[in-house]
Amino acid sequence: MPENKVKITTEFIKLDALLKFASMTGSGGEAKMLIQDGQVTVNGEVCTMRGKKIRAGDKVAIIGESEVEVC
């Protein structure tokens, strides 16, 4: 699974917004569906909260697809 780094300039970014910002999904609706379906992990654990605050150092992945590290 390829890993990329995504730089944010704020204290945090919400999970659904990160998926769009990092081009892991094509739309907010797609991000919402993936999160609700349990297809997204944060630091290795499935997360179903769209508004989860993601901070520098966190790793977010779509299961079986791509992974990004926030810095």
C-alpha atoms as a PDB file:
ATOM      1  CA  MET A   1       0.000   0.000   0.000  1.00  0.00           C
ATOM      2  CA  PRO A   2       1.665   3.266  -1.063  1.00  0.00           C
ATOM      3  CA  GLU A   3       2.010   5.946   1.601  1.00  0.00           C
ATOM      4  CA  ASN A   4       2.044   9.672   0.964  1.00  0.00           C
ATOM      5  CA  LYS A   5       2.454  12.677   3.220  1.00  0.00           C
ATOM      6  CA  VAL A   6      -0.112  15.440   3.384  1.00  0.00           C
ATOM      7  CA  LYS A   7       0.807  18.758   4.982  1.00  0.00           C
ATOM      8  CA  ILE A   8      -1.887  20.699   6.790  1.00  0.00           C
ATOM      9  CA  THR A   9      -1.474  24.276   7.989  1.00  0.00           C
ATOM     10  CA  THR A  10      -4.145  24.163  10.686  1.00  0.00           C
ATOM     11  CA  GLU A  11      -4.278  22.404  14.055  1.00  0.00           C
ATOM     12  CA  PHE A  12      -6.500  19.664  12.614  1.00  0.00           C
ATOM     13  CA  ILE A  13      -8.617  18.677   9.618  1.00  0.00           C
ATOM     14  CA  LYS A  14     -11.801  16.631   9.727  1.00  0.00           C
ATOM     15  CA  LEU A  15     -11.577  13.103   8.360  1.00  0.00           C
ATOM     16  CA  ASP A  16     -13.992  13.563   5.465  1.00  0.00           C
ATOM     17  CA  ALA A  17     -12.269  16.790   4.404  1.00  0.00           C
ATOM     18  CA  LEU A  18      -8.859  15.105   4.559  1.00  0.00           C
ATOM     19  CA  LEU A  19      -9.970  12.329   2.216  1.00  0.00           C
ATOM     20  CA  LYS A  20     -10.982  14.960  -0.347  1.00  0.00           C
ATOM     21  CA  PHE A  21      -7.949  17.224   0.294  1.00  0.00           C
ATOM     22  CA  ALA A  22      -5.531  14.310  -0.171  1.00  0.00           C
ATOM     23  CA  SER A  23      -7.363  13.232  -3.362  1.00  0.00           C
ATOM     24  CA  MET A  24      -8.160   9.867  -1.814  1.00  0.00           C
ATOM     25  CA  THR A  25     -11.784  10.328  -2.904  1.00  0.00           C
ATOM     26  CA  GLY A  26     -13.335  12.261  -5.733  1.00  0.00           C
ATOM     27  CA  SER A  27     -16.095  13.869  -3.673  1.00  0.00           C
ATOM     28  CA  GLY A  28     -17.382  14.508  -0.196  1.00  0.00           C
ATOM     29  CA  GLY A  29     -20.212  12.069  -0.835  1.00  0.00           C
ATOM     30  CA  GLU A  30     -17.763   9.309  -1.692  1.00  0.00           C
ATOM     31  CA  ALA A  31     -15.767  10.093   1.457  1.00  0.00           C
ATOM     32  CA  LYS A  32     -18.947   9.940   3.554  1.00  0.00           C
ATOM     33  CA  MET A  33     -19.913   6.548   2.132  1.00  0.00           C
ATOM     34  CA  LEU A  34     -16.447   5.038   2.656  1.00  0.00           C
ATOM     35  CA  ILE A  35     -16.344   6.254   6.266  1.00  0.00           C
ATOM     36  CA  GLN A  36     -19.878   5.030   7.053  1.00  0.00           C
ATOM     37  CA  ASP A  37     -19.114   1.646   5.473  1.00  0.00           C
ATOM     38  CA  GLY A  38     -16.095   1.157   7.757  1.00  0.00           C
ATOM     39  CA  GLN A  39     -13.583   1.326   4.899  1.00  0.00           C
ATOM     40  CA  VAL A  40     -11.383   4.016   6.492  1.00  0.00           C
ATOM     41  CA  THR A  41      -8.801   3.587   9.236  1.00  0.00           C
ATOM     42  CA  VAL A  42      -7.151   6.199  11.429  1.00  0.00           C
ATOM     43  CA  ASN A  43      -3.884   5.047  12.984  1.00  0.00           C
ATOM     44  CA  GLY A  44      -4.764   1.457  12.125  1.00  0.00           C
ATOM     45  CA  GLU A  45      -8.266   1.448  13.645  1.00  0.00           C
ATOM     46  CA  VAL A  46     -11.531   1.597  11.690  1.00  0.00           C
ATOM     47  CA  CYS A  47     -13.176   5.004  12.120  1.00  0.00           C
ATOM     48  CA  THR A  48     -16.808   5.720  11.237  1.00  0.00           C
ATOM     49  CA  MET A  49     -16.859   9.345  12.460  1.00  0.00           C
ATOM     50  CA  ARG A  50     -16.798  11.783   9.514  1.00  0.00           C
ATOM     51  CA  GLY A  51     -15.924  14.693  11.780  1.00  0.00           C
ATOM     52  CA  LYS A  52     -13.011  12.977  13.531  1.00  0.00           C
ATOM     53  CA  LYS A  53     -10.227  15.506  14.026  1.00  0.00           C
ATOM     54  CA  ILE A  54      -7.061  14.423  12.240  1.00  0.00           C
ATOM     55  CA  ARG A  55      -3.820  15.994  13.445  1.00  0.00           C
ATOM     56  CA  ALA A  56      -0.173  15.941  12.389  1.00  0.00           C
ATOM     57  CA  GLY A  57       1.292  12.475  12.912  1.00  0.00           C
ATOM     58  CA  ASP A  58      -1.964  10.627  12.219  1.00  0.00           C
ATOM     59  CA  LYS A  59      -2.122   8.011   9.470  1.00  0.00           C
ATOM     60  CA  VAL A  60      -5.318   7.645   7.467  1.00  0.00           C
ATOM     61  CA  ALA A  61      -5.998   4.823   5.015  1.00  0.00           C
ATOM     62  CA  ILE A  62      -8.732   3.514   2.803  1.00  0.00           C
ATOM     63  CA  ILE A  63      -8.569  -0.226   3.476  1.00  0.00           C
ATOM     64  CA  GLY A  64      -6.701  -2.018   0.720  1.00  0.00           C
ATOM     65  CA  GLU A  65      -6.058   1.146  -1.280  1.00  0.00           C
ATOM     66  CA  SER A  66      -4.056   4.177  -0.193  1.00  0.00           C
ATOM     67  CA  GLU A  67      -2.593   5.584   2.994  1.00  0.00           C
ATOM     68  CA  VAL A  68      -1.478   9.078   3.932  1.00  0.00           C
ATOM     69  CA  GLU A  69       0.438  10.468   6.875  1.00  0.00           C
ATOM     70  CA  VAL A  70      -0.548  13.937   8.021  1.00  0.00           C
ATOM     71  CA  CYS A  71       2.286  16.306   8.823  1.00  0.00           C
END
